[in-house]
Amino acid sequence: MRYIAGIDVGTSGVKCIIIDEKGAVVASVTENYPLSIPKEGWSEQDPADWWAGTQKAMKAAVEKSGVNNQDIVGLGFSGQMHGLVALDKDKKVLRPAILWNDQRTQAECDEIIAKAGGLEGLLSYTNNTMLTGFTGGKIVWVKNHEPETYDKIETFVMPKDYIRYLFTGVLATEVSDGAGTGLFNVEKREWSFPLIEKLGLKKSIFPTCVESDEQTGVVTAEAALTTGLAEGTPVYAGGGDAVIQNTGMGIVAEGTVGLIIGTSGIVAMSLSGFGKNEGGKLQFFCNNAKNKWSAFGCQLSSGGSFDWFKDKMYDSDVSFKAIDQSAEASPAGADNLLFLPYLVGERCPHPDPDARGVFFGLKISHNKGDMARAVMEGVTFGLKEIYDLIKEAKPDLKPTFVISSGGGSRSAVWRQIQADIFDLPVKTLTGAAEGGAYGGAVVAGVGAGVFANVEEAAGLLKEETETLPIAKNVAVYKKLFKVYQGLYTDLKDRFKEI
């Protein structure tokens, strides 16, 4: 039996898994690490924490699996996208990594768009607008605000790619994470050096970029000692989490819809050909399969909103299951209570770093259960807005179900809310619960020849649950959705004032 390892360098922790050649997960271990918020709107991490967690989790996963590490034929990566890991000439980290949910770069994004010739000019280079989370704005921010650091940058990579370097000594990224910098020609699947030159950035700092299933070195002797993998194990490029999570969920055929409710939320659809991102409303990135693309939108605080609610409203010993039960006791629509999940600003459908969270419609009869349900519903309403944008971009595609994953898919109450708001059956599949780590393993399996392609790997996934929409709930949500959609417009100027 052959086995494959997958690593997801996430925001709250790193997950390491081992799967077999039939796609079954034989071991999964997660190690958490801290997040730093040095100023309001900033979000940073120490890459050393990623590596410490990865070494511990991977060693534990290999031991837990009970497999001979010589039978692990490949290692693949997933990781939080858009993070800036700046390295000097000795490959040492120059400053804490600036993360995907950092909101400091609005002025730099405006600068990039202006220098590109406006939004349409930027779209002609990259097919994406420049959002505050993207790596491109972070590079320009360091250039503008920390010029001494910028001058020392020899190269930069994204989070998963730094961990790859520590495994292999090879510095590289791949096309899905490249697309997430906002400085990438998504159609040609290469860096947009004409744009990079316009911005006055050093071309030399941009790393080699390969396709997701390409080999990028092997596990070194030093890394083998601390991670439990065998020296010489082939390492494959993998993908950014927003894309590769969908690969691991089986979102590979055009028209299949994936819904991820992790810390952030993703609604994505696989595309068999390149498509124009009209108005830059969505993100159109390179897929993990060659000659495929992915259209998606990202909500910044999905499961993050629910975690915030639990942490602030309940004692630490109250379980998620207990909160689920209180939310289930609340009626569909939470007795006309709405929640806007803009706790850290928003990316899609409203790219606005000033947006803030809101409970709307509170009255004296509302309780914590109503509020918990409103948080679940508000997050799902926001994801439905993204889904509607994708349908506008590809009106000929008629999805018949949604595949859900992440923490939001583990709650039966939340799955029912998803089915009712999307008015489509919601399915969960084996492996999908492991998120990007499973996708990383799948792509490594393709590179190693265990799977012929990602479509074959997707065919190994088995349906775990199916949740059908309830007609009376669908009717309630359609009415409330219209109110929800108007709230951002009504409050947009007020957000900026505060």
Protein backbone atom coordinates (compact mmCIF):
# COMPACT_ATOMS: atom_id res chain seq x y z
CA MET A 1 0.00 0.00 0.00
CA ARG A 2 1.27 3.48 -0.89
CA TYR A 3 0.59 6.50 1.31
CA ILE A 4 0.68 10.27 0.83
CA ALA A 5 1.18 13.07 3.35
CA GLY A 6 -0.59 16.41 3.27
CA ILE A 7 0.05 19.59 5.25
CA ASP A 8 -2.20 22.62 5.65
CA VAL A 9 -0.47 25.67 7.16
CA GLY A 10 -3.60 27.38 8.46
CA THR A 11 -4.28 30.57 10.39
CA SER A 12 -5.08 29.00 13.76
CA GLY A 13 -2.96 25.89 13.36
CA VAL A 14 -1.27 23.37 11.09
CA LYS A 15 -2.90 20.08 10.10
CA CYS A 16 -0.86 17.08 8.95
CA ILE A 17 -2.54 14.00 7.50
CA ILE A 18 -1.64 10.67 5.93
CA ILE A 19 -3.96 9.12 3.32
CA ASP A 20 -3.74 5.79 1.53
CA GLU A 21 -3.97 5.14 -2.20
CA LYS A 22 -7.75 4.64 -1.90
CA GLY A 23 -8.16 8.13 -0.47
CA ALA A 24 -8.86 7.04 3.10
CA VAL A 25 -7.44 9.16 5.91
CA VAL A 26 -5.30 6.98 8.17
CA ALA A 27 -4.00 9.74 10.48
CA SER A 28 -4.75 13.40 11.14
CA VAL A 29 -3.04 15.65 13.69
CA THR A 30 -3.43 19.39 14.32
CA GLU A 31 -1.15 21.73 16.26
CA ASN A 32 -2.32 25.26 17.07
CA TYR A 33 -0.23 28.43 17.27
CA PRO A 34 -0.84 32.08 18.16
CA LEU A 35 -1.98 35.03 16.08
CA SER A 36 -0.60 38.52 16.66
CA ILE A 37 -2.66 41.71 16.24
CA PRO A 38 -0.12 44.51 16.91
CA LYS A 39 -2.57 47.21 15.75
CA GLU A 40 -6.26 47.29 14.90
CA GLY A 41 -6.71 45.86 11.43
CA TRP A 42 -3.27 44.20 11.42
CA SER A 43 -2.72 40.43 11.51
CA GLU A 44 0.69 38.78 11.76
CA GLN A 45 2.35 35.50 12.70
CA ASP A 46 5.87 34.28 13.40
CA PRO A 47 6.78 31.70 10.71
CA ALA A 48 8.87 29.90 13.34
CA ASP A 49 5.58 28.94 15.03
CA TRP A 50 4.37 27.34 11.78
CA TRP A 51 7.52 25.23 11.57
CA ALA A 52 7.45 24.18 15.22
CA GLY A 53 3.82 23.09 14.86
CA THR A 54 4.48 21.32 11.56
CA GLN A 55 7.37 19.28 12.91
CA LYS A 56 5.36 18.17 15.92
CA ALA A 57 2.15 17.43 13.98
CA MET A 58 3.82 15.57 11.12
CA LYS A 59 5.87 13.38 13.44
CA ALA A 60 2.73 12.56 15.43
CA ALA A 61 0.75 11.82 12.25
CA VAL A 62 3.38 9.39 10.97
CA GLU A 63 3.48 7.63 14.36
CA LYS A 64 -0.33 7.57 14.64
CA SER A 65 -0.72 6.10 11.15
CA GLY A 66 1.50 3.15 11.98
CA VAL A 67 2.82 3.06 8.40
CA ASN A 68 6.45 2.64 7.38
CA ASN A 69 7.62 6.10 6.39
CA GLN A 70 9.34 4.56 3.35
CA ASP A 71 5.85 3.79 2.03
CA ILE A 72 4.92 7.51 2.03
CA VAL A 73 5.56 8.34 -1.63
CA GLY A 74 4.84 12.05 -1.60
CA LEU A 75 4.16 15.17 0.46
CA GLY A 76 1.87 17.96 -0.69
CA PHE A 77 1.01 21.37 0.71
CA SER A 78 -1.90 23.65 1.36
CA GLY A 79 -1.68 26.93 3.22
CA GLN A 80 -3.33 30.20 4.07
CA MET A 81 -3.05 32.37 0.98
CA HIS A 82 -1.73 35.91 0.44
CA GLY A 83 0.64 35.97 3.42
CA LEU A 84 3.95 37.77 2.92
CA VAL A 85 7.04 35.94 4.17
CA ALA A 86 9.98 38.22 3.32
CA LEU A 87 13.42 36.57 3.24
CA ASP A 88 16.92 38.05 3.10
CA LYS A 89 19.96 36.80 1.15
CA ASP A 90 20.54 34.11 3.79
CA LYS A 91 16.89 32.99 3.56
CA LYS A 92 16.19 34.35 7.04
CA VAL A 93 12.78 35.86 7.85
CA LEU A 94 13.02 39.66 7.88
CA ARG A 95 9.81 40.50 9.74
CA PRO A 96 6.66 38.77 11.04
CA ALA A 97 4.52 37.41 8.21
CA ILE A 98 1.63 39.71 7.21
CA LEU A 99 -1.47 37.53 6.83
CA TRP A 100 -4.42 37.24 4.47
CA ASN A 101 -6.85 38.95 6.88
CA ASP A 102 -4.60 41.97 7.48
CA GLN A 103 -6.32 45.20 6.44
CA ARG A 104 -3.51 47.78 6.53
CA THR A 105 -2.91 48.09 2.78
CA GLN A 106 -5.89 50.01 1.40
CA ALA A 107 -3.73 53.00 0.36
CA GLU A 108 -1.28 50.63 -1.36
CA CYS A 109 -4.12 48.86 -3.17
CA ASP A 110 -5.37 52.22 -4.42
CA GLU A 111 -1.81 53.04 -5.53
CA ILE A 112 -1.49 49.77 -7.45
CA ILE A 113 -4.85 50.22 -9.19
CA ALA A 114 -3.96 53.79 -10.18
CA LYS A 115 -0.52 52.84 -11.54
CA ALA A 116 -2.08 49.96 -13.51
CA GLY A 117 -4.38 52.40 -15.28
CA GLY A 118 -7.47 51.98 -13.14
CA LEU A 119 -9.51 48.89 -12.42
CA GLU A 120 -9.89 47.87 -16.06
CA GLY A 121 -6.17 48.34 -16.58
CA LEU A 122 -5.38 46.10 -13.61
CA LEU A 123 -7.86 43.46 -14.79
CA SER A 124 -6.11 43.40 -18.17
CA TYR A 125 -2.89 42.37 -16.40
CA THR A 126 -4.22 39.98 -13.74
CA ASN A 127 -7.98 39.38 -14.21
CA ASN A 128 -8.35 40.36 -10.53
CA THR A 129 -8.67 43.59 -8.62
CA MET A 130 -6.18 44.32 -5.82
CA LEU A 131 -7.73 43.56 -2.43
CA THR A 132 -6.29 44.48 0.95
CA GLY A 133 -5.64 40.83 1.75
CA PHE A 134 -3.53 40.18 -1.36
CA THR A 135 0.25 39.85 -1.19
CA GLY A 136 0.90 42.57 -3.76
CA GLY A 137 -0.39 45.33 -1.50
CA LYS A 138 1.74 43.98 1.36
CA ILE A 139 4.92 44.16 -0.72
CA VAL A 140 4.18 47.77 -1.66
CA TRP A 141 3.32 48.53 1.99
CA VAL A 142 6.72 47.26 3.14
CA LYS A 143 8.36 49.29 0.36
CA ASN A 144 6.49 52.43 1.48
CA HIS A 145 6.64 52.03 5.26
CA GLU A 146 9.67 49.81 5.96
CA PRO A 147 12.11 50.69 3.18
CA GLU A 148 15.11 49.30 5.06
CA THR A 149 13.37 45.93 5.23
CA TYR A 150 12.31 46.12 1.58
CA ASP A 151 15.90 46.77 0.50
CA LYS A 152 16.98 43.55 2.25
CA ILE A 153 14.34 41.34 0.60
CA GLU A 154 16.06 38.75 -1.59
CA THR A 155 12.83 36.85 -2.23
CA PHE A 156 9.39 36.33 -0.76
CA VAL A 157 7.07 33.35 -0.51
CA MET A 158 3.66 32.54 0.89
CA PRO A 159 3.25 30.60 4.19
CA LYS A 160 3.11 27.04 2.84
CA ASP A 161 6.08 27.75 0.57
CA TYR A 162 8.24 28.78 3.51
CA ILE A 163 7.47 25.47 5.21
CA ARG A 164 8.30 23.69 1.93
CA TYR A 165 11.68 25.47 1.98
CA LEU A 166 12.38 24.15 5.47
CA PHE A 167 11.52 20.61 4.32
CA THR A 168 13.51 20.74 1.08
CA GLY A 169 15.82 23.75 0.83
CA VAL A 170 13.89 24.66 -2.35
CA LEU A 171 12.24 28.08 -2.70
CA ALA A 172 9.23 28.05 -5.03
CA THR A 173 5.52 28.73 -5.18
CA GLU A 174 2.76 27.50 -7.47
CA VAL A 175 0.08 28.98 -9.69
CA SER A 176 -2.86 29.16 -7.26
CA ASP A 177 -0.87 31.02 -4.59
CA GLY A 178 0.78 33.06 -7.34
CA ALA A 179 -2.66 34.17 -8.50
CA GLY A 180 -3.44 35.21 -4.93
CA THR A 181 -0.70 37.82 -4.92
CA GLY A 182 -2.65 39.99 -7.36
CA LEU A 183 0.53 40.37 -9.44
CA PHE A 184 -0.02 37.28 -11.59
CA ASN A 185 -1.18 36.78 -15.17
CA VAL A 186 -3.87 34.21 -14.41
CA GLU A 187 -4.60 33.46 -18.06
CA LYS A 188 -0.96 32.71 -18.94
CA ARG A 189 -0.23 31.21 -15.48
CA GLU A 190 2.91 33.32 -14.92
CA TRP A 191 4.05 36.46 -13.10
CA SER A 192 2.78 39.69 -14.65
CA PHE A 193 6.19 41.31 -14.99
CA PRO A 194 4.85 44.24 -17.09
CA LEU A 195 2.66 45.19 -14.10
CA ILE A 196 5.46 44.51 -11.62
CA GLU A 197 7.73 46.87 -13.57
CA LYS A 198 5.02 49.56 -13.61
CA LEU A 199 4.84 49.35 -9.82
CA GLY A 200 8.60 49.78 -9.47
CA LEU A 201 9.05 46.45 -7.68
CA LYS A 202 12.17 44.33 -7.93
CA LYS A 203 11.59 41.52 -10.43
CA SER A 204 14.32 39.46 -8.77
CA ILE A 205 12.33 38.89 -5.57
CA PHE A 206 9.56 36.92 -7.30
CA PRO A 207 10.04 33.16 -6.75
CA THR A 208 9.92 30.37 -9.30
CA CYS A 209 6.29 29.42 -9.97
CA VAL A 210 5.22 25.91 -11.02
CA GLU A 211 2.03 23.90 -11.50
CA SER A 212 0.50 22.34 -8.40
CA ASP A 213 1.44 18.71 -9.09
CA GLU A 214 5.07 19.43 -9.97
CA GLN A 215 7.81 18.11 -7.73
CA THR A 216 9.62 20.78 -5.72
CA GLY A 217 12.48 18.94 -4.07
CA VAL A 218 12.71 16.11 -1.56
CA VAL A 219 12.69 15.91 2.23
CA THR A 220 16.20 16.65 3.50
CA ALA A 221 18.03 14.60 6.11
CA GLU A 222 17.66 17.43 8.61
CA ALA A 223 13.88 17.72 8.08
CA ALA A 224 13.48 13.93 8.20
CA LEU A 225 14.91 13.85 11.72
CA THR A 226 12.33 16.27 13.12
CA THR A 227 9.22 15.36 11.09
CA GLY A 228 9.22 11.57 10.91
CA LEU A 229 9.17 11.48 7.10
CA ALA A 230 11.87 9.56 5.27
CA GLU A 231 14.82 11.39 3.77
CA GLY A 232 14.30 11.70 0.01
CA THR A 233 10.48 11.67 0.12
CA PRO A 234 9.33 13.63 -2.97
CA VAL A 235 7.66 16.96 -2.20
CA TYR A 236 5.02 18.48 -4.52
CA ALA A 237 3.92 22.08 -4.95
CA GLY A 238 0.32 21.88 -3.69
CA GLY A 239 -1.90 24.95 -3.60
CA GLY A 240 -3.31 27.90 -1.73
CA ASP A 241 -6.04 26.83 0.69
CA ALA A 242 -8.94 28.68 -0.95
CA VAL A 243 -8.32 26.67 -4.13
CA ILE A 244 -6.91 23.35 -2.95
CA GLN A 245 -9.58 22.85 -0.28
CA ASN A 246 -12.04 22.63 -3.14
CA THR A 247 -9.82 20.13 -4.94
CA GLY A 248 -9.87 18.00 -1.80
CA MET A 249 -13.66 18.33 -1.67
CA GLY A 250 -14.06 17.02 -5.22
CA ILE A 251 -14.81 20.43 -6.76
CA VAL A 252 -13.11 19.56 -10.04
CA ALA A 253 -15.89 19.23 -12.66
CA GLU A 254 -17.15 22.50 -14.11
CA GLY A 255 -20.34 23.65 -12.40
CA THR A 256 -19.74 21.86 -9.10
CA VAL A 257 -20.11 24.29 -6.18
CA GLY A 258 -17.99 24.14 -3.04
CA LEU A 259 -18.85 25.90 0.21
CA ILE A 260 -16.17 26.17 2.92
CA ILE A 261 -16.91 27.59 6.35
CA GLY A 262 -13.59 27.72 8.16
CA THR A 263 -12.12 30.80 9.82
CA SER A 264 -12.94 32.51 6.54
CA GLY A 265 -15.58 31.35 4.07
CA ILE A 266 -15.24 30.39 0.42
CA VAL A 267 -17.79 29.80 -2.31
CA ALA A 268 -16.09 28.35 -5.39
CA MET A 269 -16.81 26.80 -8.74
CA SER A 270 -14.35 24.95 -10.96
CA LEU A 271 -14.02 26.19 -14.57
CA SER A 272 -12.67 24.17 -17.49
CA GLY A 273 -11.53 27.30 -19.31
CA PHE A 274 -10.30 30.81 -18.60
CA GLY A 275 -13.05 33.38 -18.06
CA LYS A 276 -13.10 37.15 -17.76
CA ASN A 277 -13.70 38.51 -14.26
CA GLU A 278 -16.09 41.30 -15.20
CA GLY A 279 -15.71 44.26 -12.86
CA GLY A 280 -13.30 42.31 -10.65
CA LYS A 281 -16.16 41.29 -8.36
CA LEU A 282 -14.83 37.77 -7.78
CA GLN A 283 -11.46 36.10 -7.67
CA PHE A 284 -10.51 34.12 -10.78
CA PHE A 285 -7.46 32.01 -9.87
CA CYS A 286 -5.52 29.15 -11.44
CA ASN A 287 -6.80 25.76 -10.38
CA ASN A 288 -4.63 22.91 -9.09
CA ALA A 289 -5.26 20.97 -12.30
CA LYS A 290 -3.39 22.14 -15.39
CA ASN A 291 -5.51 24.20 -17.80
CA LYS A 292 -8.30 24.69 -15.26
CA TRP A 293 -9.34 27.74 -13.30
CA SER A 294 -11.45 28.52 -10.26
CA ALA A 295 -13.99 31.32 -9.73
CA PHE A 296 -14.66 32.12 -6.10
CA GLY A 297 -15.29 34.73 -3.48
CA CYS A 298 -13.95 34.93 0.06
CA GLN A 299 -15.83 36.05 3.17
CA LEU A 300 -13.28 37.11 5.78
CA SER A 301 -15.06 36.04 8.99
CA SER A 302 -17.25 32.94 8.64
CA GLY A 303 -16.41 30.37 11.29
CA GLY A 304 -14.41 33.25 12.75
CA SER A 305 -17.68 35.04 13.49
CA PHE A 306 -19.06 32.00 15.29
CA ASP A 307 -15.83 31.54 17.25
CA TRP A 308 -16.01 35.21 18.28
CA PHE A 309 -19.62 34.79 19.40
CA LYS A 310 -18.80 31.68 21.45
CA ASP A 311 -15.75 33.28 23.07
CA LYS A 312 -17.50 36.52 23.99
CA MET A 313 -20.95 35.25 24.97
CA TYR A 314 -20.28 31.95 26.73
CA ASP A 315 -18.06 30.51 29.44
CA SER A 316 -15.11 28.54 28.10
CA ASP A 317 -16.58 25.20 29.23
CA VAL A 318 -19.71 25.57 27.06
CA SER A 319 -19.46 23.23 24.07
CA PHE A 320 -20.21 23.96 20.43
CA LYS A 321 -22.84 21.19 20.66
CA ALA A 322 -24.70 23.08 23.41
CA ILE A 323 -24.70 26.27 21.34
CA ASP A 324 -25.89 24.26 18.33
CA GLN A 325 -28.84 23.00 20.37
CA SER A 326 -29.80 26.50 21.46
CA ALA A 327 -29.61 27.71 17.84
CA GLU A 328 -31.77 24.78 16.72
CA ALA A 329 -34.44 25.84 19.23
CA SER A 330 -34.66 29.24 17.52
CA PRO A 331 -36.95 29.43 14.46
CA ALA A 332 -35.69 29.92 10.90
CA GLY A 333 -34.87 33.61 10.64
CA ALA A 334 -34.00 33.80 14.37
CA ASP A 335 -37.21 35.73 15.04
CA ASN A 336 -36.22 38.41 12.50
CA LEU A 337 -32.74 38.97 13.90
CA LEU A 338 -29.97 39.55 11.33
CA PHE A 339 -26.20 39.49 11.69
CA LEU A 340 -23.58 41.06 9.38
CA PRO A 341 -20.31 39.08 9.66
CA TYR A 342 -17.91 41.94 8.89
CA LEU A 343 -15.87 41.65 12.10
CA VAL A 344 -12.53 42.17 10.31
CA GLY A 345 -13.82 44.09 7.30
CA GLU A 346 -14.98 42.23 4.22
CA ARG A 347 -13.61 41.06 0.88
CA CYS A 348 -16.55 39.67 -1.12
CA PRO A 349 -19.12 40.74 -2.12
CA HIS A 350 -18.13 44.05 -0.47
CA PRO A 351 -14.37 44.74 -0.60
CA ASP A 352 -14.39 47.11 2.35
CA PRO A 353 -11.83 47.08 5.19
CA ASP A 354 -14.01 49.54 7.15
CA ALA A 355 -17.08 47.29 7.28
CA ARG A 356 -17.98 46.04 10.76
CA GLY A 357 -20.16 43.39 12.37
CA VAL A 358 -23.78 44.19 13.19
CA PHE A 359 -26.72 42.60 14.98
CA PHE A 360 -29.81 44.16 13.39
CA GLY A 361 -33.33 43.84 14.78
CA LEU A 362 -32.49 43.00 18.40
CA LYS A 363 -35.47 43.08 20.76
CA ILE A 364 -36.00 42.24 24.39
CA SER A 365 -37.37 38.76 23.66
CA HIS A 366 -34.24 37.62 21.81
CA ASN A 367 -31.91 35.21 23.61
CA LYS A 368 -28.47 33.71 23.02
CA GLY A 369 -29.94 30.91 20.92
CA ASP A 370 -31.51 33.45 18.56
CA MET A 371 -28.20 35.29 18.37
CA ALA A 372 -26.26 32.08 17.69
CA ARG A 373 -28.66 31.18 14.90
CA ALA A 374 -28.48 34.71 13.50
CA VAL A 375 -24.69 34.40 13.30
CA MET A 376 -24.98 31.13 11.36
CA GLU A 377 -27.62 32.62 9.09
CA GLY A 378 -25.77 35.91 8.56
CA VAL A 379 -22.59 34.12 7.53
CA THR A 380 -24.62 31.94 5.15
CA PHE A 381 -26.49 34.92 3.67
CA GLY A 382 -23.12 36.51 2.88
CA LEU A 383 -21.95 33.30 1.20
CA LYS A 384 -25.19 33.21 -0.79
CA GLU A 385 -24.37 36.70 -2.10
CA ILE A 386 -21.05 35.34 -3.40
CA TYR A 387 -22.81 32.33 -4.96
CA ASP A 388 -25.18 34.66 -6.80
CA LEU A 389 -22.20 36.60 -8.23
CA ILE A 390 -20.68 33.35 -9.53
CA LYS A 391 -23.99 32.43 -11.15
CA GLU A 392 -24.06 35.84 -12.83
CA ALA A 393 -20.57 35.21 -14.21
CA LYS A 394 -21.50 31.75 -15.54
CA PRO A 395 -25.30 31.84 -16.10
CA ASP A 396 -25.24 28.70 -18.26
CA LEU A 397 -24.14 26.55 -15.32
CA LYS A 398 -26.99 25.08 -13.25
CA PRO A 399 -25.65 23.48 -10.04
CA THR A 400 -27.88 20.79 -8.54
CA PHE A 401 -26.21 20.53 -5.12
CA VAL A 402 -23.57 22.11 -2.90
CA ILE A 403 -20.61 20.33 -1.28
CA SER A 404 -19.94 21.78 2.17
CA SER A 405 -16.84 21.51 4.34
CA GLY A 406 -15.10 23.19 7.25
CA GLY A 407 -16.39 23.69 10.77
CA GLY A 408 -19.76 24.89 9.51
CA SER A 409 -20.33 21.55 7.79
CA ARG A 410 -19.98 19.61 11.06
CA SER A 411 -23.11 21.22 12.50
CA ALA A 412 -26.38 19.62 11.39
CA VAL A 413 -28.19 22.87 12.24
CA TRP A 414 -25.83 24.93 10.11
CA ARG A 415 -26.02 22.43 7.22
CA GLN A 416 -29.81 22.80 7.27
CA ILE A 417 -29.45 26.60 7.22
CA GLN A 418 -27.12 26.30 4.22
CA ALA A 419 -29.57 24.05 2.36
CA ASP A 420 -32.49 26.37 3.10
CA ILE A 421 -30.72 29.62 2.16
CA PHE A 422 -29.12 28.20 -1.01
CA ASP A 423 -32.31 26.24 -1.78
CA LEU A 424 -30.16 23.29 -2.86
CA PRO A 425 -29.24 19.94 -1.31
CA VAL A 426 -26.06 20.23 0.77
CA LYS A 427 -23.69 17.25 0.84
CA THR A 428 -20.61 16.42 2.89
CA LEU A 429 -18.01 13.96 1.61
CA THR A 430 -15.32 11.81 3.18
CA GLY A 431 -11.99 13.61 3.26
CA ALA A 432 -13.54 17.05 2.87
CA ALA A 433 -13.47 17.53 6.65
CA GLU A 434 -9.67 17.50 6.49
CA GLY A 435 -9.72 20.70 4.41
CA GLY A 436 -6.67 21.84 2.51
CA ALA A 437 -4.44 19.10 3.93
CA TYR A 438 -6.50 16.52 2.03
CA GLY A 439 -6.25 18.56 -1.16
CA GLY A 440 -2.49 18.81 -0.68
CA ALA A 441 -2.26 15.05 -0.34
CA VAL A 442 -4.45 14.51 -3.42
CA VAL A 443 -2.33 16.79 -5.60
CA ALA A 444 0.85 15.12 -4.33
CA GLY A 445 -0.77 11.78 -5.19
CA VAL A 446 -1.28 12.98 -8.76
CA GLY A 447 2.34 14.11 -8.95
CA ALA A 448 3.57 10.81 -7.55
CA GLY A 449 1.44 8.76 -9.96
CA VAL A 450 -0.85 7.30 -7.29
CA PHE A 451 -3.82 9.00 -8.99
CA ALA A 452 -4.04 9.63 -12.74
CA ASN A 453 -5.54 13.08 -12.15
CA VAL A 454 -7.60 15.04 -9.63
CA GLU A 455 -10.81 13.76 -11.21
CA GLU A 456 -9.85 10.18 -10.37
CA ALA A 457 -9.05 11.19 -6.79
CA ALA A 458 -12.37 13.01 -6.48
CA GLY A 459 -14.16 9.83 -7.51
CA LEU A 460 -12.84 8.15 -4.35
CA LEU A 461 -14.78 10.52 -2.08
CA LYS A 462 -17.90 9.01 -0.52
CA GLU A 463 -21.04 10.90 0.47
CA GLU A 464 -21.40 11.19 4.25
CA THR A 465 -24.52 13.35 4.63
CA GLU A 466 -27.14 14.99 2.45
CA THR A 467 -29.35 17.78 3.79
CA LEU A 468 -32.40 18.76 1.75
CA PRO A 469 -34.00 22.23 1.84
CA ILE A 470 -37.22 22.68 3.83
CA ALA A 471 -39.73 24.63 1.75
CA LYS A 472 -41.20 26.76 4.57
CA ASN A 473 -37.71 27.76 5.71
CA VAL A 474 -36.70 28.62 2.13
CA ALA A 475 -39.63 31.06 1.96
CA VAL A 476 -38.61 32.73 5.25
CA TYR A 477 -35.02 33.15 4.14
CA LYS A 478 -35.91 34.59 0.74
CA LYS A 479 -37.72 37.45 2.46
CA LEU A 480 -34.98 38.07 5.02
CA PHE A 481 -32.25 37.85 2.37
CA LYS A 482 -33.62 40.99 0.70
CA VAL A 483 -33.37 42.87 4.00
CA TYR A 484 -29.87 41.50 4.59
CA GLN A 485 -28.70 42.66 1.17
CA GLY A 486 -29.83 46.22 1.85
CA LEU A 487 -28.06 46.57 5.19
CA TYR A 488 -24.53 47.02 3.83
CA THR A 489 -25.65 49.77 1.47
CA ASP A 490 -27.53 51.48 4.29
CA LEU A 491 -24.55 51.32 6.66
CA LYS A 492 -21.57 51.71 4.33
CA ASP A 493 -21.01 55.42 5.09
CA ARG A 494 -21.64 54.91 8.80
CA PHE A 495 -18.89 52.25 8.89
CA LYS A 496 -16.40 54.78 7.54
CA GLU A 497 -17.49 57.40 10.05
CA ILE A 498 -16.62 55.16 13.00
